[in-house]
Amino acid sequence: MSTSHGSRSSGRSSASGPARPEPAVERVHGVTRDGQQVWIAPGARLNALDPESGTLLRSIALAAHAGTAFDGRHLFQIAENRIQKIDPQTGRVLDTIPAPGGGGDSGLAWAEGTLWVGQYRERKIHQVDPRTGTILRTIESNRFVTGVTWVDGELWHGTWEGEESELRRVDPRTGEILESLEMPPGTGVSGLESDGNDRFFCGGGASGKLRTVRRPRAGSTSR
């Protein structure tokens, strides 16, 4: 998989030259990382990719319609109106909880022992108890919410409306926009995940592409 890097501080990502991570992939819904592999959710399976080459390493057959997350041991995957907890070694679904959006859910991330779930058209992010599905907190956005990720104690999410997309860092208590990185026109963001350092992996929805974008340095003014 070739990579494309966005600007650190200009407020707009270049995100040029993306590659299809796997020829059979027509959509990338969710994206997560388990420390070594990047997992993408094309719809009817979860694919594990080498993050540098894009080589398909393995695949798990299951419903994968939206966001994907990893808690250090298990994968979590949105499938229609539920969130599945998955053993990545065997591919077995260990548990399911209701998704807070009832089928209108988008991104998924793990942080602070809880799941953070985007609700696309409702423009919300919910913090959810991973055992029961109980909503613990809700913050609101003024744009459609796509992918969700945490990195270095920061909550980021993607937006996508029409031909416009952004990566936003927001206050996890209030939803206030703290930083914003524009994507080039026509470059949509579906799933979103950090590599734990200075890169984001951005799913490209129906393009079937996975892009890498540079995360702005701390203290930069990219909004």
Protein backbone atom coordinates (compact mmCIF):
# COMPACT_ATOMS: atom_id res chain seq x y z
CA MET A 1 0.00 0.00 0.00
CA SER A 2 1.50 3.33 -0.98
CA THR A 3 1.09 6.13 1.52
CA SER A 4 0.15 9.77 1.11
CA HIS A 5 0.91 12.36 3.74
CA GLY A 6 -1.01 15.49 4.58
CA SER A 7 0.36 18.79 5.79
CA ARG A 8 1.36 19.07 9.44
CA SER A 9 0.32 22.67 9.91
CA SER A 10 -1.23 24.24 6.81
CA GLY A 11 -4.77 23.13 7.63
CA ARG A 12 -5.19 21.17 4.38
CA SER A 13 -4.07 17.63 3.64
CA SER A 14 -2.53 16.78 0.28
CA ALA A 15 -3.61 13.10 0.52
CA SER A 16 -2.53 12.40 -3.05
CA GLY A 17 -1.69 9.13 -4.76
CA PRO A 18 -3.73 6.68 -2.61
CA ALA A 19 -3.75 3.00 -3.47
CA ARG A 20 -6.39 0.32 -3.26
CA PRO A 21 -5.30 -1.92 -0.37
CA GLU A 22 -6.84 -5.04 -1.93
CA PRO A 23 -8.25 -5.43 -5.46
CA ALA A 24 -11.52 -7.01 -4.29
CA VAL A 25 -12.24 -4.18 -1.81
CA GLU A 26 -14.92 -1.80 -3.08
CA ARG A 27 -15.57 0.03 0.20
CA VAL A 28 -13.67 0.83 3.38
CA HIS A 29 -16.05 1.41 6.28
CA GLY A 30 -14.11 0.90 9.51
CA VAL A 31 -10.37 1.09 10.20
CA THR A 32 -8.37 0.04 13.27
CA ARG A 33 -4.87 -1.04 14.20
CA ASP A 34 -3.77 -3.84 16.55
CA GLY A 35 -0.19 -2.61 17.00
CA GLN A 36 1.12 -4.44 13.95
CA GLN A 37 -1.64 -4.87 11.39
CA VAL A 38 -4.23 -2.45 10.09
CA TRP A 39 -7.76 -3.89 9.93
CA ILE A 40 -10.33 -2.60 7.46
CA ALA A 41 -14.04 -3.39 7.20
CA PRO A 42 -15.16 -3.80 3.56
CA GLY A 43 -18.68 -5.01 4.43
CA ALA A 44 -18.75 -8.82 4.54
CA ARG A 45 -15.38 -9.45 6.22
CA LEU A 46 -12.53 -7.93 8.18
CA ASN A 47 -9.19 -7.72 6.37
CA ALA A 48 -5.82 -7.43 8.11
CA LEU A 49 -3.23 -5.52 6.06
CA ASP A 50 0.45 -4.78 6.34
CA PRO A 51 0.40 -1.00 7.03
CA GLU A 52 3.42 -0.28 4.82
CA SER A 53 2.79 -2.44 1.75
CA GLY A 54 -0.99 -2.91 1.88
CA THR A 55 -0.50 -6.68 1.54
CA LEU A 56 -3.50 -8.71 2.68
CA LEU A 57 -2.35 -10.85 5.62
CA ARG A 58 -5.61 -12.53 6.62
CA SER A 59 -9.37 -12.18 6.45
CA ILE A 60 -12.28 -12.95 8.81
CA ALA A 61 -15.71 -13.52 7.29
CA LEU A 62 -18.36 -11.58 9.24
CA ALA A 63 -20.66 -8.58 8.88
CA ALA A 64 -18.58 -5.38 8.93
CA HIS A 65 -20.75 -2.44 7.91
CA ALA A 66 -19.22 0.51 9.77
CA GLY A 67 -16.58 1.31 12.43
CA THR A 68 -13.90 -1.02 13.77
CA ALA A 69 -11.92 -0.82 17.04
CA PHE A 70 -9.30 -2.76 19.01
CA ASP A 71 -8.99 -2.78 22.81
CA GLY A 72 -5.56 -4.42 23.01
CA ARG A 73 -7.02 -7.91 22.94
CA HIS A 74 -10.30 -7.98 21.02
CA LEU A 75 -11.70 -6.43 17.87
CA PHE A 76 -15.03 -4.61 17.96
CA GLN A 77 -17.04 -4.27 14.77
CA ILE A 78 -20.29 -2.48 13.97
CA ALA A 79 -22.69 -4.71 12.03
CA GLU A 80 -26.00 -3.00 11.19
CA ASN A 81 -27.60 -2.20 14.58
CA ARG A 82 -25.15 -4.06 16.83
CA ILE A 83 -21.52 -4.05 17.91
CA GLN A 84 -19.71 -7.39 17.82
CA LYS A 85 -16.80 -8.33 20.09
CA ILE A 86 -14.43 -10.61 18.16
CA ASP A 87 -11.49 -12.87 18.99
CA PRO A 88 -8.97 -11.84 16.29
CA GLN A 89 -7.16 -15.17 16.51
CA THR A 90 -10.17 -17.37 15.80
CA GLY A 91 -12.58 -14.90 14.23
CA ARG A 92 -15.28 -16.00 16.68
CA VAL A 93 -17.89 -13.47 17.82
CA LEU A 94 -17.73 -13.53 21.63
CA ASP A 95 -20.47 -11.04 22.46
CA THR A 96 -22.76 -8.42 20.95
CA ILE A 97 -24.26 -5.20 22.32
CA PRO A 98 -26.75 -2.80 20.72
CA ALA A 99 -25.23 0.04 18.72
CA PRO A 100 -26.40 3.43 20.03
CA GLY A 101 -27.50 4.69 16.61
CA GLY A 102 -29.69 1.67 15.90
CA GLY A 103 -28.12 1.17 12.46
CA GLY A 104 -27.12 4.78 11.78
CA ASP A 105 -23.69 4.32 13.36
CA SER A 106 -20.38 5.18 11.74
CA GLY A 107 -16.95 5.33 13.43
CA LEU A 108 -15.77 3.26 16.38
CA ALA A 109 -12.82 3.69 18.77
CA TRP A 110 -11.60 2.32 22.10
CA ALA A 111 -10.39 4.61 24.90
CA GLU A 112 -10.61 4.90 28.68
CA GLY A 113 -12.07 1.38 28.90
CA THR A 114 -15.06 2.35 26.77
CA LEU A 115 -16.19 2.46 23.16
CA TRP A 116 -16.69 5.75 21.31
CA VAL A 117 -19.25 5.47 18.55
CA GLY A 118 -20.03 7.96 15.80
CA GLN A 119 -23.65 8.47 14.76
CA TYR A 120 -23.41 9.69 11.19
CA ARG A 121 -26.49 11.72 10.25
CA GLU A 122 -27.33 12.63 13.83
CA ARG A 123 -23.89 14.32 14.05
CA LYS A 124 -23.06 12.80 17.42
CA ILE A 125 -20.38 10.77 19.18
CA HIS A 126 -21.44 8.48 22.04
CA GLN A 127 -19.26 7.04 24.79
CA VAL A 128 -20.63 3.54 25.38
CA ASP A 129 -20.19 0.84 28.04
CA PRO A 130 -18.64 -2.09 26.09
CA ARG A 131 -20.38 -4.69 28.25
CA THR A 132 -23.95 -3.40 28.10
CA GLY A 133 -24.17 -0.83 25.31
CA THR A 134 -25.34 1.82 27.79
CA ILE A 135 -24.64 5.36 26.58
CA LEU A 136 -22.43 7.13 29.14
CA ARG A 137 -21.94 10.46 27.39
CA THR A 138 -22.90 12.15 24.12
CA ILE A 139 -21.19 15.04 22.36
CA GLU A 140 -22.50 16.78 19.24
CA SER A 141 -20.92 17.98 16.03
CA ASN A 142 -22.13 20.43 13.38
CA ARG A 143 -21.14 18.05 10.57
CA PHE A 144 -21.86 14.42 9.74
CA VAL A 145 -19.58 12.19 11.86
CA THR A 146 -17.64 9.38 10.20
CA GLY A 147 -14.53 7.73 11.69
CA VAL A 148 -13.49 8.20 15.32
CA THR A 149 -10.07 7.70 16.95
CA TRP A 150 -8.07 8.57 20.06
CA VAL A 151 -4.34 9.37 20.13
CA ASP A 152 -2.22 10.87 22.92
CA GLY A 153 -5.34 11.65 24.93
CA GLU A 154 -6.92 13.50 21.98
CA LEU A 155 -10.28 12.65 20.42
CA TRP A 156 -10.36 13.01 16.62
CA HIS A 157 -13.17 12.32 14.19
CA GLY A 158 -13.78 12.53 10.47
CA THR A 159 -16.50 14.53 8.78
CA TRP A 160 -17.89 14.00 5.29
CA GLU A 161 -20.66 15.99 3.62
CA GLY A 162 -20.92 16.27 -0.15
CA GLU A 163 -17.43 16.84 -1.55
CA GLU A 164 -15.99 18.13 1.73
CA SER A 165 -14.21 16.21 4.49
CA GLU A 166 -12.16 17.19 7.53
CA LEU A 167 -10.27 15.57 10.36
CA ARG A 168 -11.19 17.29 13.60
CA ARG A 169 -9.77 17.24 17.10
CA VAL A 170 -12.55 17.92 19.56
CA ASP A 171 -13.01 18.34 23.29
CA PRO A 172 -14.35 14.95 24.50
CA ARG A 173 -16.52 16.69 27.11
CA THR A 174 -18.11 19.42 25.04
CA GLY A 175 -17.49 18.61 21.37
CA GLU A 176 -15.78 21.98 20.85
CA ILE A 177 -13.55 21.97 17.76
CA LEU A 178 -9.93 22.40 18.87
CA GLU A 179 -8.20 21.73 15.57
CA SER A 180 -9.28 20.98 12.00
CA LEU A 181 -7.44 19.53 9.00
CA GLU A 182 -9.19 19.87 5.63
CA MET A 183 -8.96 17.08 3.10
CA PRO A 184 -8.68 17.92 -0.61
CA PRO A 185 -12.06 18.42 -2.38
CA GLY A 186 -13.64 15.09 -3.29
CA THR A 187 -11.50 13.13 -0.79
CA GLY A 188 -13.95 11.59 1.65
CA VAL A 189 -13.12 10.08 5.04
CA SER A 190 -15.03 7.06 6.35
CA GLY A 191 -13.06 5.05 8.92
CA LEU A 192 -10.30 6.75 10.92
CA GLU A 193 -7.46 5.36 13.04
CA SER A 194 -4.16 6.64 14.41
CA ASP A 195 -0.93 4.68 14.14
CA GLY A 196 -0.13 5.83 17.69
CA ASN A 197 2.37 8.34 16.38
CA ASP A 198 2.04 10.99 13.65
CA ARG A 199 -0.10 9.27 11.03
CA PHE A 200 -3.81 8.72 10.53
CA PHE A 201 -5.21 5.87 8.46
CA CYS A 202 -8.28 7.19 6.62
CA GLY A 203 -10.82 4.94 4.93
CA GLY A 204 -12.07 6.34 1.63
CA GLY A 205 -15.61 4.93 1.66
CA ALA A 206 -16.83 3.74 -1.74
CA SER A 207 -13.47 4.53 -3.36
CA GLY A 208 -12.10 1.36 -1.75
CA LYS A 209 -8.96 3.30 -0.81
CA LEU A 210 -7.02 3.63 2.42
CA ARG A 211 -4.95 6.79 2.82
CA THR A 212 -2.38 7.89 5.36
CA VAL A 213 -2.39 11.52 6.50
CA ARG A 214 0.08 13.31 8.77
CA ARG A 215 -1.28 14.35 12.14
CA PRO A 216 -0.49 18.01 12.96
CA ARG A 217 2.21 18.59 15.54
CA ALA A 218 1.05 19.50 19.05
CA GLY A 219 0.58 23.25 19.27
CA SER A 220 0.27 23.78 15.51
CA THR A 221 -2.49 26.03 14.17
CA SER A 222 -4.09 23.89 11.49
CA ARG A 223 -7.66 25.02 12.00
